Structure formats: structure tokens, C-alpha cells
């Protein structure tokens, strides 16, 4: 289950991407979560996924 608060979600996702996954797709597949939901939620607080650095900025 992912955190509901967008700021906590940002921290959680970036930690997972940094320490465990080489891409957002890998994270979403492994955790069985919606990539679109994550992108939409983090976009609402001004963050976008950067594939080159594998993090939301």
C-alpha cells in the first residue's frame, strides 16, 4: 500500500527508485501499483519523473 499524502509518496517512491529499482516501470510492476496514479499524484505537487536520473524532480 502506497502512502496517500503526496509529499510522503514522493519520498517513498524516490527512496525505492534509488535503492531497489532501475526504473519506474520496474517498481510499478513489482509492487503491482498504477504508474499513472503515481505520476498523476506527484504531478499535482509539481514533480515529474526523470528517466535519466530515475527519480521524481
C-alpha atoms as a PDB file:
ATOM      1  CA  UNK A   1       0.000   0.000   0.000  1.00  0.00           C
ATOM      2  CA  UNK A   2       1.364   3.385  -1.026  1.00  0.00           C
ATOM      3  CA  UNK A   3       1.269   6.483   1.173  1.00  0.00           C
ATOM      4  CA  UNK A   4      -1.739   8.718   0.465  1.00  0.00           C
ATOM      5  CA  UNK A   5      -0.003  12.028   1.218  1.00  0.00           C
ATOM      6  CA  UNK A   6       1.725  13.249  -1.991  1.00  0.00           C
ATOM      7  CA  UNK A   7       4.820  14.527  -0.146  1.00  0.00           C
ATOM      8  CA  UNK A   8       5.309  11.265   1.708  1.00  0.00           C
ATOM      9  CA  UNK A   9       4.648   9.365  -1.529  1.00  0.00           C
ATOM     10  CA  UNK A  10       7.389  11.400  -3.228  1.00  0.00           C
ATOM     11  CA  UNK A  11       9.907  10.467  -0.554  1.00  0.00           C
ATOM     12  CA  UNK A  12       8.831   6.813  -0.565  1.00  0.00           C
ATOM     13  CA  UNK A  13       8.961   6.427  -4.356  1.00  0.00           C
ATOM     14  CA  UNK A  14      12.319   8.181  -4.735  1.00  0.00           C
ATOM     15  CA  UNK A  15      13.806   6.030  -1.965  1.00  0.00           C
ATOM     16  CA  UNK A  16      12.556   2.856  -3.640  1.00  0.00           C
ATOM     17  CA  UNK A  17      13.828   4.013  -7.046  1.00  0.00           C
ATOM     18  CA  UNK A  18      17.221   4.906  -5.624  1.00  0.00           C
ATOM     19  CA  UNK A  19      17.737   1.756  -3.560  1.00  0.00           C
ATOM     20  CA  UNK A  20      15.820  -1.039  -5.270  1.00  0.00           C
ATOM     21  CA  UNK A  21      14.585  -0.324  -8.812  1.00  0.00           C
ATOM     22  CA  UNK A  22      16.219   0.738 -12.056  1.00  0.00           C
ATOM     23  CA  UNK A  23      13.022   2.291 -13.430  1.00  0.00           C
ATOM     24  CA  UNK A  24       9.537   3.434 -12.500  1.00  0.00           C
ATOM     25  CA  UNK A  25       8.113   0.625 -14.629  1.00  0.00           C
ATOM     26  CA  UNK A  26      10.039  -1.977 -12.611  1.00  0.00           C
ATOM     27  CA  UNK A  27       8.812  -0.511  -9.346  1.00  0.00           C
ATOM     28  CA  UNK A  28       5.190  -0.451 -10.505  1.00  0.00           C
ATOM     29  CA  UNK A  29       5.329  -3.995 -11.861  1.00  0.00           C
ATOM     30  CA  UNK A  30       6.923  -5.381  -8.712  1.00  0.00           C
ATOM     31  CA  UNK A  31       4.644  -3.547  -6.278  1.00  0.00           C
ATOM     32  CA  UNK A  32       1.583  -4.009  -8.502  1.00  0.00           C
ATOM     33  CA  UNK A  33       0.705  -0.305  -8.432  1.00  0.00           C
ATOM     34  CA  UNK A  34      -0.549   2.051 -11.114  1.00  0.00           C
ATOM     35  CA  UNK A  35       2.183   4.065 -12.794  1.00  0.00           C
ATOM     36  CA  UNK A  36      -0.405   6.596 -13.953  1.00  0.00           C
ATOM     37  CA  UNK A  37      -1.701   7.098 -10.405  1.00  0.00           C
ATOM     38  CA  UNK A  38       1.806   7.771  -9.102  1.00  0.00           C
ATOM     39  CA  UNK A  39       2.595  10.165 -11.945  1.00  0.00           C
ATOM     40  CA  UNK A  40      -0.716  11.987 -11.524  1.00  0.00           C
ATOM     41  CA  UNK A  41      -0.351  12.338  -7.748  1.00  0.00           C
ATOM     42  CA  UNK A  42       3.223  13.591  -7.890  1.00  0.00           C
ATOM     43  CA  UNK A  43       2.431  15.905 -10.799  1.00  0.00           C
ATOM     44  CA  UNK A  44      -0.181  17.543  -8.546  1.00  0.00           C
ATOM     45  CA  UNK A  45       2.653  18.789  -6.309  1.00  0.00           C
ATOM     46  CA  UNK A  46       4.897  19.759  -9.211  1.00  0.00           C
ATOM     47  CA  UNK A  47       7.113  16.690  -9.609  1.00  0.00           C
ATOM     48  CA  UNK A  48       7.797  14.799 -12.812  1.00  0.00           C
ATOM     49  CA  UNK A  49       9.665  11.549 -13.400  1.00  0.00           C
ATOM     50  CA  UNK A  50      13.131  11.916 -14.910  1.00  0.00           C
ATOM     51  CA  UNK A  51      14.164   8.665 -16.610  1.00  0.00           C
ATOM     52  CA  UNK A  52      17.837   9.668 -16.803  1.00  0.00           C
ATOM     53  CA  UNK A  53      18.210  10.085 -13.056  1.00  0.00           C
ATOM     54  CA  UNK A  54      15.439   7.597 -12.172  1.00  0.00           C
ATOM     55  CA  UNK A  55      13.745   9.959  -9.762  1.00  0.00           C
ATOM     56  CA  UNK A  56      10.950  12.453  -9.448  1.00  0.00           C
ATOM     57  CA  UNK A  57      12.177  16.050  -9.556  1.00  0.00           C
END
